[in-house]
Protein backbone atom coordinates (compact mmCIF):
# COMPACT_ATOMS: atom_id res chain seq x y z
CA MET A 1 0.00 0.02 -0.11
CA GLU A 2 1.22 3.50 -1.06
CA LYS A 3 0.49 6.43 1.18
CA HIS A 4 -0.53 9.47 -0.40
CA SER A 5 1.68 12.35 0.90
CA LYS A 6 -0.01 15.74 1.72
CA PRO A 7 1.19 18.73 -0.34
CA ALA A 8 3.73 20.63 1.53
CA LYS A 9 2.57 24.03 2.90
CA LEU A 10 4.49 27.20 1.32
CA ALA A 11 6.34 29.12 3.91
CA ALA A 12 5.60 32.74 4.36
CA PRO A 13 7.87 35.51 2.67
CA ALA A 14 10.26 36.95 4.58
CA GLY A 15 7.93 40.15 5.30
CA GLY A 16 5.72 37.86 7.32
CA LYS A 17 2.76 38.77 4.79
CA ARG A 18 1.14 36.20 2.89
CA ARG A 19 0.54 37.24 -0.88
CA GLN A 20 -3.10 37.66 -1.77
CA HIS A 21 -4.88 36.25 -4.81
CA PRO A 22 -5.36 39.26 -7.46
CA HIS A 23 -9.19 38.60 -7.05
CA ASP A 24 -8.96 39.53 -3.38
CA LYS A 25 -7.74 43.17 -4.07
CA ASP A 26 -10.56 44.03 -6.42
CA SER A 27 -13.15 42.43 -3.80
CA MET A 28 -11.34 44.46 -1.12
CA LYS A 29 -11.46 47.79 -3.34
CA GLU A 30 -15.26 47.14 -3.77
CA LYS A 31 -15.68 46.68 -0.15
CA ARG A 32 -14.03 49.66 0.48
CA LYS A 33 -16.13 51.91 -2.06
CA GLN A 34 -19.32 50.38 -0.45
CA SER A 35 -18.21 51.46 3.05
CA ASN A 36 -17.24 55.03 1.82
CA THR A 37 -20.65 55.34 0.10
CA GLU A 38 -22.53 54.12 3.28
CA ALA A 39 -20.53 56.40 5.66
CA LEU A 40 -21.17 59.51 3.37
CA GLY A 41 -24.78 58.52 3.20
CA ILE A 42 -25.12 58.64 -0.56
CA ALA A 43 -26.34 55.98 -3.09
CA PRO A 44 -23.57 53.59 -4.77
CA VAL A 45 -22.50 54.77 -8.22
CA GLU A 46 -21.06 53.13 -11.15
CA GLU A 47 -17.44 52.98 -11.26
CA ASP A 48 -16.89 54.99 -14.43
CA SER A 49 -18.42 57.97 -12.69
CA PHE A 50 -16.93 57.67 -9.30
CA THR A 51 -13.33 57.93 -10.85
CA ASP A 52 -13.42 61.57 -11.36
CA ILE A 53 -15.12 62.63 -7.83
CA THR A 54 -12.51 62.08 -5.14
CA ARG A 55 -13.65 61.32 -1.56
CA THR A 56 -12.47 64.68 -0.34
CA GLU A 57 -14.84 66.17 -3.02
CA LEU A 58 -17.62 64.03 -1.74
CA LEU A 59 -17.21 65.08 1.78
CA THR A 60 -17.01 68.85 0.99
CA LEU A 61 -20.38 68.26 -0.90
CA LYS A 62 -21.90 66.66 1.87
CA ALA A 63 -20.75 69.28 4.29
CA ASN A 64 -21.68 72.23 2.29
CA ARG A 65 -25.28 70.56 1.89
CA THR A 66 -25.90 70.49 5.85
CA LYS A 67 -24.53 73.94 6.63
CA ILE A 68 -27.34 76.72 7.26
CA ARG A 69 -26.14 80.25 6.39
CA TYR A 70 -28.01 83.22 7.76
CA ALA A 71 -27.75 86.68 6.47
CA ASN A 72 -26.28 89.28 8.79
CA THR A 73 -28.84 91.83 10.25
CA TYR A 74 -26.32 94.42 11.13
CA ARG A 75 -28.54 95.00 14.27
CA LEU A 76 -26.43 96.13 17.16
CA GLU A 77 -29.21 96.66 19.62
CA PRO A 78 -31.78 94.08 21.03
CA TYR A 79 -35.52 94.35 20.21
CA ASN A 80 -36.46 93.40 23.80
CA LYS A 81 -33.51 95.25 26.04
CA PHE A 82 -32.60 93.71 29.34
CA ARG A 83 -34.50 95.60 32.42
CA ASP A 84 -32.36 95.07 35.32
CA TYR A 85 -35.10 95.96 37.92
CA VAL A 86 -37.32 93.25 36.51
CA VAL A 87 -34.78 90.73 36.82
CA ARG A 88 -33.43 91.81 40.53
CA ASN A 89 -37.04 91.62 41.38
CA LYS A 90 -37.48 88.19 40.18
CA ALA A 91 -34.16 86.64 41.48
CA GLN A 92 -34.99 88.31 44.92
CA GLU A 93 -38.51 86.61 44.91
CA ILE A 94 -36.88 83.47 44.13
CA LEU A 95 -34.30 83.48 46.85
CA THR A 96 -36.74 84.68 49.28
CA ASN A 97 -39.12 81.75 48.69
CA LYS A 98 -36.50 79.02 48.48
CA LEU A 99 -34.56 80.16 51.74
CA GLN A 100 -37.29 81.65 53.99
CA GLU A 101 -37.53 78.63 56.58
CA THR A 102 -34.26 77.11 55.39
CA LYS A 103 -31.19 76.54 57.99
CA TYR A 104 -27.66 76.62 57.04
CA ASP A 105 -26.17 73.25 56.21
CA ALA A 106 -22.72 72.85 54.72
CA VAL A 107 -23.54 69.63 53.20
CA SER A 108 -26.40 70.58 51.36
CA SER A 109 -25.79 74.20 50.52
CA PRO A 110 -23.95 73.49 47.04
CA SER A 111 -26.64 71.48 45.72
CA LEU A 112 -28.88 74.05 47.05
CA CYS A 113 -26.98 76.94 45.24
CA ALA A 114 -26.99 75.04 42.02
CA SER A 115 -30.91 74.34 42.10
CA ILE A 116 -31.74 78.10 42.93
CA SER A 117 -29.41 79.18 40.04
CA GLU A 118 -30.96 77.11 37.67
CA GLU A 119 -34.51 78.26 38.67
CA ILE A 120 -33.38 81.93 38.33
CA LEU A 121 -31.79 81.23 34.95
CA ALA A 122 -35.02 79.40 33.62
CA ALA A 123 -37.15 82.48 35.12
CA ILE A 124 -34.77 85.17 33.34
CA LYS A 125 -35.13 83.20 30.08
CA GLU A 126 -38.98 83.37 30.26
CA LEU A 127 -38.73 86.97 30.31
CA GLY A 128 -37.85 86.78 26.65
CA TYR A 129 -34.91 89.18 26.31
CA ASP A 130 -33.20 88.40 23.03
CA ARG A 131 -29.72 88.49 22.14
CA TYR A 132 -28.45 87.95 25.65
CA LYS A 133 -26.39 85.24 27.36
CA TYR A 134 -26.68 84.84 31.02
CA VAL A 135 -24.18 83.74 33.88
CA VAL A 136 -26.05 83.03 37.37
CA SER A 137 -24.18 82.72 40.28
CA VAL A 138 -25.65 82.01 43.77
CA LEU A 139 -23.51 82.10 47.09
CA ILE A 140 -24.65 80.81 50.47
CA VAL A 141 -22.32 81.85 53.46
CA GLU A 142 -22.63 81.09 57.00
CA LYS A 143 -23.11 83.85 59.59
CA ALA A 144 -20.26 83.71 61.81
CA GLY A 145 -19.41 87.35 62.30
CA GLN A 146 -17.12 87.59 59.41
CA ALA A 147 -17.21 90.02 56.57
CA ILE A 148 -17.38 88.97 52.72
CA ASN A 149 -16.17 90.41 49.49
CA VAL A 150 -17.38 89.32 46.25
CA ALA A 151 -15.26 90.08 43.14
CA SER A 152 -15.69 89.33 39.32
CA ARG A 153 -14.05 90.36 36.46
CA TRP A 154 -15.24 90.26 32.75
CA VAL A 155 -14.48 91.60 29.39
CA TRP A 156 -17.57 93.97 29.33
CA ASP A 157 -19.37 96.19 27.02
CA VAL A 158 -20.31 98.94 28.97
CA GLN A 159 -23.17 99.98 26.75
CA ARG A 160 -24.90 96.81 26.50
CA ASP A 161 -23.62 94.27 29.20
CA THR A 162 -25.14 94.56 32.44
CA TRP A 163 -25.18 92.58 36.06
CA VAL A 164 -27.89 92.35 38.74
CA SER A 165 -27.67 91.07 42.36
CA ALA A 166 -30.00 90.03 45.11
CA LYS A 167 -29.60 89.25 48.49
CA CYS A 168 -31.52 87.18 51.13
CA GLU A 169 -30.59 87.05 54.74
CA THR A 170 -31.77 84.79 57.49
CA GLU A 171 -30.72 83.95 60.80
CA THR A 172 -27.91 81.44 60.18
CA PHE A 173 -26.70 82.59 56.64
CA ILE A 174 -26.62 85.12 53.82
CA ALA A 175 -27.32 84.09 50.17
CA LEU A 176 -26.22 86.28 47.26
CA ALA A 177 -27.38 85.74 43.88
CA LEU A 178 -25.29 87.54 40.97
CA VAL A 179 -26.78 87.54 37.27
CA MET A 180 -24.70 88.59 34.42
CA ALA A 181 -26.22 89.44 31.03
CA CYS A 182 -23.75 89.56 28.32
CA TYR A 183 -25.17 90.87 24.71
CA TYR A 184 -24.70 88.51 21.92
CA GLU A 185 -24.38 89.84 18.37
């Protein structure tokens, strides 16, 4: 009985990579084209029409298609100007309603400050001042016979930007709300 020997395996070339069959390159190119068209969100096209449009041109076409461009209004003043007395009254009202019966607690004060500042910001946005961005900061400080100084620095447009403060004082703490309104062109 004669044994049939198995064909010997070919060793890999010195670079460690196996040679691919020529048909494999074509199928890989086809897969790459298909994944590019899927990623760009366009329908597959024939190879003849695809050769003159490069990938970067397709990306720029897609990017330009999704951008919305608005015409400049050249308007430098808001239609509804920021009224500081209205905002001050609203912030004062929120501070007194939230903190009237509250005692100072160092653990819960940060979360209380965050919730009050969010509520003040929501109330200011409801007033409908157009073209303003707001920064609301609330501080709660325990009364211990000390003095307090609060300072802020901003790049400021004196004609259009403004700020408002509101204070609430109880037996155990002092709460200060600062609202900065910056005009946004």
